[in-house]
N, C-alpha and C. Protein backbone atom coordinates (compact mmCIF):
# COMPACT_ATOMS: atom_id res chain seq x y z
N ILE A 1 143.91 82.60 141.43
CA ILE A 1 144.17 81.37 142.16
C ILE A 1 144.36 80.26 141.13
N ILE A 2 145.44 79.52 141.23
CA ILE A 2 145.73 78.43 140.31
C ILE A 2 145.37 77.11 140.99
N VAL A 3 144.55 76.32 140.33
CA VAL A 3 144.16 75.01 140.85
C VAL A 3 145.29 74.05 140.54
N PRO A 4 145.90 73.44 141.56
CA PRO A 4 147.11 72.63 141.34
C PRO A 4 146.91 71.43 140.43
N TRP A 5 145.82 70.69 140.59
CA TRP A 5 145.67 69.44 139.85
C TRP A 5 145.23 69.65 138.41
N THR A 6 144.73 70.86 138.05
CA THR A 6 144.33 71.11 136.67
C THR A 6 145.17 72.17 136.00
N GLY A 7 145.78 73.04 136.76
CA GLY A 7 146.57 74.11 136.19
C GLY A 7 145.75 75.29 135.70
N THR A 8 144.43 75.25 135.91
CA THR A 8 143.58 76.35 135.48
C THR A 8 143.58 77.43 136.56
N THR A 9 143.22 78.61 136.14
CA THR A 9 143.14 79.72 137.10
C THR A 9 141.68 80.04 137.38
N LEU A 10 141.41 80.37 138.62
CA LEU A 10 140.07 80.75 139.05
C LEU A 10 140.12 82.16 139.60
N SER A 11 139.07 82.90 139.36
CA SER A 11 138.99 84.20 140.00
C SER A 11 138.68 83.99 141.49
N ALA A 12 138.93 85.01 142.27
CA ALA A 12 138.65 84.90 143.70
C ALA A 12 137.16 84.69 143.94
N GLN A 13 136.31 85.29 143.10
CA GLN A 13 134.87 85.13 143.26
C GLN A 13 134.44 83.70 142.96
N THR A 14 134.97 83.11 141.89
CA THR A 14 134.63 81.72 141.56
C THR A 14 135.15 80.78 142.64
N PHE A 15 136.34 81.02 143.14
CA PHE A 15 136.87 80.20 144.22
C PHE A 15 136.00 80.31 145.46
N GLY A 16 135.52 81.50 145.76
CA GLY A 16 134.61 81.70 146.89
C GLY A 16 133.31 80.94 146.71
N HIS A 17 132.79 80.91 145.47
CA HIS A 17 131.56 80.15 145.20
C HIS A 17 131.80 78.67 145.47
N TYR A 18 132.92 78.13 144.96
CA TYR A 18 133.23 76.73 145.19
C TYR A 18 133.42 76.43 146.67
N LEU A 19 134.05 77.33 147.38
CA LEU A 19 134.28 77.15 148.81
C LEU A 19 132.96 77.11 149.58
N VAL A 20 132.04 78.02 149.27
CA VAL A 20 130.73 78.05 149.93
C VAL A 20 129.94 76.80 149.59
N GLN A 21 129.97 76.38 148.33
CA GLN A 21 129.22 75.18 147.94
C GLN A 21 129.79 73.93 148.60
N CYS A 22 131.11 73.83 148.70
CA CYS A 22 131.71 72.67 149.38
C CYS A 22 131.36 72.67 150.87
N LEU A 23 131.35 73.84 151.48
CA LEU A 23 130.99 73.94 152.88
C LEU A 23 129.54 73.51 153.11
N MET A 24 128.62 73.98 152.26
CA MET A 24 127.21 73.58 152.40
C MET A 24 127.05 72.08 152.17
N MET A 25 127.77 71.53 151.20
CA MET A 25 127.68 70.10 150.91
C MET A 25 128.18 69.29 152.10
N ASN A 26 129.32 69.65 152.65
CA ASN A 26 129.87 68.89 153.78
C ASN A 26 129.01 68.99 155.02
N ILE A 27 128.46 70.16 155.29
CA ILE A 27 127.58 70.31 156.46
C ILE A 27 126.33 69.47 156.30
N SER A 28 125.70 69.52 155.13
CA SER A 28 124.45 68.77 154.95
C SER A 28 124.69 67.26 154.98
N ILE A 29 125.76 66.79 154.35
CA ILE A 29 126.05 65.35 154.39
C ILE A 29 126.41 64.92 155.81
N GLY A 30 127.18 65.75 156.52
CA GLY A 30 127.55 65.42 157.90
C GLY A 30 126.35 65.34 158.81
N LEU A 31 125.39 66.24 158.64
CA LEU A 31 124.20 66.21 159.49
C LEU A 31 123.31 65.02 159.16
N VAL A 32 123.22 64.64 157.89
CA VAL A 32 122.45 63.45 157.53
C VAL A 32 123.11 62.21 158.12
N GLN A 33 124.44 62.15 158.06
CA GLN A 33 125.15 61.02 158.65
C GLN A 33 124.95 60.98 160.16
N LEU A 34 125.01 62.12 160.81
CA LEU A 34 124.80 62.18 162.25
C LEU A 34 123.38 61.72 162.62
N LEU A 35 122.40 62.15 161.84
CA LEU A 35 121.02 61.74 162.09
C LEU A 35 120.87 60.23 161.96
N LEU A 36 121.43 59.67 160.90
CA LEU A 36 121.31 58.22 160.72
C LEU A 36 122.06 57.46 161.81
N SER A 37 123.16 58.00 162.28
CA SER A 37 123.90 57.36 163.38
C SER A 37 123.09 57.43 164.67
N TYR A 38 122.44 58.55 164.92
CA TYR A 38 121.61 58.67 166.12
C TYR A 38 120.40 57.75 166.05
N MET A 39 119.99 57.38 164.84
CA MET A 39 118.86 56.48 164.69
C MET A 39 119.27 55.02 164.86
N GLY A 40 120.56 54.77 165.11
CA GLY A 40 121.00 53.43 165.43
C GLY A 40 121.79 52.72 164.35
N LEU A 41 122.01 53.34 163.22
CA LEU A 41 122.80 52.70 162.18
C LEU A 41 124.28 52.85 162.50
N VAL A 42 125.06 51.89 162.07
CA VAL A 42 126.50 51.91 162.33
C VAL A 42 127.13 53.00 161.47
N MET A 43 127.98 53.81 162.09
CA MET A 43 128.54 54.98 161.41
C MET A 43 129.35 54.60 160.16
N GLU A 44 130.09 53.51 160.22
CA GLU A 44 130.91 53.12 159.07
C GLU A 44 130.04 52.75 157.87
N HIS A 45 128.93 52.08 158.13
CA HIS A 45 128.04 51.72 157.03
C HIS A 45 127.32 52.94 156.47
N VAL A 46 126.94 53.85 157.34
CA VAL A 46 126.24 55.07 156.91
C VAL A 46 127.16 55.93 156.06
N ALA A 47 128.41 56.09 156.49
CA ALA A 47 129.35 56.93 155.75
C ALA A 47 129.61 56.36 154.36
N ALA A 48 129.79 55.07 154.28
CA ALA A 48 130.06 54.45 152.98
C ALA A 48 128.88 54.63 152.03
N VAL A 49 127.67 54.45 152.54
CA VAL A 49 126.48 54.59 151.70
C VAL A 49 126.30 56.04 151.26
N LEU A 50 126.49 56.99 152.17
CA LEU A 50 126.32 58.40 151.81
C LEU A 50 127.36 58.86 150.80
N ILE A 51 128.59 58.44 150.98
CA ILE A 51 129.63 58.82 150.02
C ILE A 51 129.31 58.23 148.65
N ALA A 52 128.92 56.98 148.62
CA ALA A 52 128.57 56.35 147.34
C ALA A 52 127.34 57.01 146.73
N LEU A 53 126.35 57.33 147.54
CA LEU A 53 125.14 57.95 147.03
C LEU A 53 125.42 59.29 146.37
N PHE A 54 126.16 60.14 147.05
CA PHE A 54 126.41 61.45 146.50
C PHE A 54 127.47 61.44 145.40
N ALA A 55 128.33 60.43 145.37
CA ALA A 55 129.31 60.33 144.30
C ALA A 55 128.68 59.80 143.01
N ILE A 56 127.75 58.88 143.14
CA ILE A 56 127.15 58.26 141.97
C ILE A 56 125.86 58.93 141.53
N ALA A 57 125.15 59.55 142.44
CA ALA A 57 123.82 60.07 142.13
C ALA A 57 123.84 61.15 141.06
N GLN A 58 124.81 62.05 141.10
CA GLN A 58 124.83 63.09 140.09
C GLN A 58 125.10 62.49 138.71
N TRP A 59 125.97 61.52 138.64
CA TRP A 59 126.25 60.86 137.37
C TRP A 59 125.01 60.11 136.86
N LEU A 60 124.27 59.48 137.77
CA LEU A 60 123.07 58.76 137.37
C LEU A 60 121.91 59.69 137.00
N LEU A 61 121.80 60.82 137.70
CA LEU A 61 120.67 61.71 137.46
C LEU A 61 120.89 62.71 136.34
N THR A 62 122.12 62.90 135.90
CA THR A 62 122.40 63.90 134.88
C THR A 62 121.68 63.62 133.56
N PRO A 63 121.67 62.38 133.04
CA PRO A 63 120.97 62.18 131.77
C PRO A 63 119.45 62.26 131.89
N LEU A 64 118.92 62.14 133.10
CA LEU A 64 117.47 62.17 133.26
C LEU A 64 116.97 63.60 133.17
N VAL A 65 116.23 64.02 134.09
CA VAL A 65 115.66 65.35 134.10
C VAL A 65 116.58 66.27 134.90
N ASP A 66 116.77 67.49 134.42
CA ASP A 66 117.64 68.42 135.14
C ASP A 66 117.06 68.75 136.51
N GLY A 67 115.76 68.71 136.65
CA GLY A 67 115.14 69.01 137.94
C GLY A 67 115.49 67.99 139.01
N ALA A 68 115.65 66.72 138.62
CA ALA A 68 116.01 65.69 139.60
C ALA A 68 117.41 65.91 140.14
N ALA A 69 118.35 66.20 139.25
CA ALA A 69 119.72 66.49 139.70
C ALA A 69 119.75 67.77 140.51
N ARG A 70 118.93 68.72 140.13
CA ARG A 70 118.90 70.01 140.84
C ARG A 70 118.39 69.83 142.26
N MET A 71 117.37 69.01 142.45
CA MET A 71 116.84 68.80 143.80
C MET A 71 117.77 67.94 144.64
N MET A 72 118.45 66.98 144.03
CA MET A 72 119.36 66.10 144.78
C MET A 72 120.57 66.88 145.29
N PHE A 73 121.04 67.83 144.50
CA PHE A 73 122.25 68.58 144.83
C PHE A 73 121.92 70.06 144.96
N TYR A 74 120.86 70.37 145.67
CA TYR A 74 120.33 71.74 145.70
C TYR A 74 121.33 72.75 146.23
N PHE A 75 121.99 72.45 147.32
CA PHE A 75 122.80 73.46 147.98
C PHE A 75 124.17 73.65 147.36
N TRP A 76 124.59 72.75 146.49
CA TRP A 76 125.90 72.93 145.88
C TRP A 76 125.83 72.88 144.37
N TYR A 77 124.64 73.05 143.82
CA TYR A 77 124.45 73.13 142.37
C TYR A 77 124.65 74.57 141.95
N PRO A 78 125.56 74.87 141.03
CA PRO A 78 125.80 76.27 140.69
C PRO A 78 124.58 76.92 140.04
N ILE A 79 124.20 78.08 140.54
CA ILE A 79 123.02 78.74 140.00
C ILE A 79 123.33 80.07 139.35
N SER A 80 124.30 80.79 139.87
CA SER A 80 124.56 82.12 139.35
C SER A 80 125.95 82.58 139.80
N PRO A 81 126.59 83.43 139.01
CA PRO A 81 127.86 83.98 139.47
C PRO A 81 127.70 85.14 140.44
N ASP A 82 126.47 85.56 140.67
CA ASP A 82 126.20 86.70 141.55
C ASP A 82 126.05 86.23 142.99
N TRP A 83 126.76 86.87 143.92
CA TRP A 83 126.72 86.49 145.33
C TRP A 83 125.34 86.66 145.95
N SER A 84 124.61 87.69 145.53
CA SER A 84 123.28 87.89 146.13
C SER A 84 122.34 86.75 145.77
N ASP A 85 122.43 86.22 144.55
CA ASP A 85 121.61 85.06 144.17
C ASP A 85 122.00 83.83 144.97
N ILE A 86 123.29 83.65 145.17
CA ILE A 86 123.76 82.47 145.91
C ILE A 86 123.30 82.53 147.37
N VAL A 87 123.41 83.71 147.97
CA VAL A 87 123.00 83.84 149.38
C VAL A 87 121.51 83.65 149.52
N ILE A 88 120.72 84.27 148.65
CA ILE A 88 119.25 84.20 148.77
C ILE A 88 118.72 82.82 148.36
N CYS A 89 119.25 82.26 147.29
CA CYS A 89 118.67 81.01 146.75
C CYS A 89 119.32 79.75 147.29
N GLN A 90 120.52 79.85 147.89
CA GLN A 90 121.17 78.63 148.35
C GLN A 90 121.58 78.67 149.82
N VAL A 91 122.23 79.74 150.25
CA VAL A 91 122.77 79.75 151.61
C VAL A 91 121.65 79.83 152.65
N ILE A 92 120.70 80.71 152.46
CA ILE A 92 119.59 80.83 153.43
C ILE A 92 118.75 79.56 153.48
N PRO A 93 118.36 78.96 152.33
CA PRO A 93 117.66 77.67 152.43
C PRO A 93 118.51 76.57 153.05
N CYS A 94 119.83 76.61 152.83
CA CYS A 94 120.71 75.62 153.44
C CYS A 94 120.70 75.75 154.96
N PHE A 95 120.71 76.98 155.46
CA PHE A 95 120.61 77.17 156.91
C PHE A 95 119.29 76.63 157.45
N GLY A 96 118.19 76.84 156.72
CA GLY A 96 116.91 76.28 157.14
C GLY A 96 116.92 74.76 157.13
N PHE A 97 117.48 74.17 156.08
CA PHE A 97 117.57 72.71 155.99
C PHE A 97 118.44 72.15 157.11
N CYS A 98 119.56 72.81 157.37
CA CYS A 98 120.47 72.35 158.43
C CYS A 98 119.83 72.50 159.81
N SER A 99 119.06 73.56 160.01
CA SER A 99 118.38 73.70 161.30
C SER A 99 117.33 72.61 161.49
N LEU A 100 116.63 72.22 160.42
CA LEU A 100 115.69 71.10 160.53
C LEU A 100 116.43 69.80 160.82
N LEU A 101 117.57 69.59 160.18
CA LEU A 101 118.35 68.38 160.47
C LEU A 101 118.87 68.38 161.90
N ILE A 102 119.28 69.53 162.41
CA ILE A 102 119.75 69.61 163.79
C ILE A 102 118.62 69.28 164.76
N MET A 103 117.42 69.80 164.49
CA MET A 103 116.27 69.47 165.36
C MET A 103 115.95 67.99 165.29
N ALA A 104 116.03 67.40 164.09
CA ALA A 104 115.78 65.96 163.95
C ALA A 104 116.84 65.15 164.69
N CYS A 105 118.10 65.62 164.66
CA CYS A 105 119.18 64.94 165.39
C CYS A 105 118.93 65.00 166.89
N ILE A 106 118.47 66.14 167.37
CA ILE A 106 118.20 66.28 168.81
C ILE A 106 117.07 65.35 169.23
N VAL A 107 116.02 65.28 168.43
CA VAL A 107 114.89 64.40 168.74
C VAL A 107 115.34 62.94 168.71
N ALA A 108 116.11 62.57 167.69
CA ALA A 108 116.57 61.17 167.58
C ALA A 108 117.51 60.83 168.72
N PHE A 109 118.38 61.75 169.11
CA PHE A 109 119.31 61.49 170.21
C PHE A 109 118.58 61.37 171.53
N ASN A 110 117.59 62.21 171.79
CA ASN A 110 116.87 62.18 173.05
C ASN A 110 115.92 61.00 173.17
N SER A 111 115.43 60.48 172.04
CA SER A 111 114.47 59.38 172.12
C SER A 111 115.15 58.01 172.07
N ARG A 112 116.43 57.98 171.87
CA ARG A 112 117.15 56.69 171.80
C ARG A 112 117.65 56.30 173.18
N ASP A 113 117.51 55.03 173.51
CA ASP A 113 117.98 54.53 174.78
C ASP A 113 119.46 54.16 174.64
N ARG A 114 120.33 55.03 175.08
CA ARG A 114 121.76 54.84 174.91
C ARG A 114 122.35 53.84 175.90
N LEU A 115 121.68 53.57 177.01
CA LEU A 115 122.18 52.63 178.01
C LEU A 115 121.88 51.19 177.64
N LYS A 116 121.02 50.99 176.67
CA LYS A 116 120.62 49.65 176.27
C LYS A 116 121.77 48.89 175.63
N ASN A 117 122.61 49.59 174.89
CA ASN A 117 123.71 48.92 174.18
C ASN A 117 124.78 48.66 175.13
């Protein structure tokens, strides 16, 4: 697979890793944004802050401790070229994290008075 903007070639396995990591990143950011929106924050402000946070945070945390960057970007931080490591160490915990966010979204949505606005 040739990456158009860089001209480099990726193996199908590496491309699959990037695809899974991007999917986990988008799902987790989307659920955090949904939770904050259900808590009453304006969606446009939440989206701008989340995009800025995740765009700048890795650059800010990289010179510090590797553990801080690792925890901030847990689900899309490359850990291994082996699929079994990725599934066990990233995909399964991501499903657990996303299920907790979904439960928090349900609680926030049900406890908010939507007729008040």
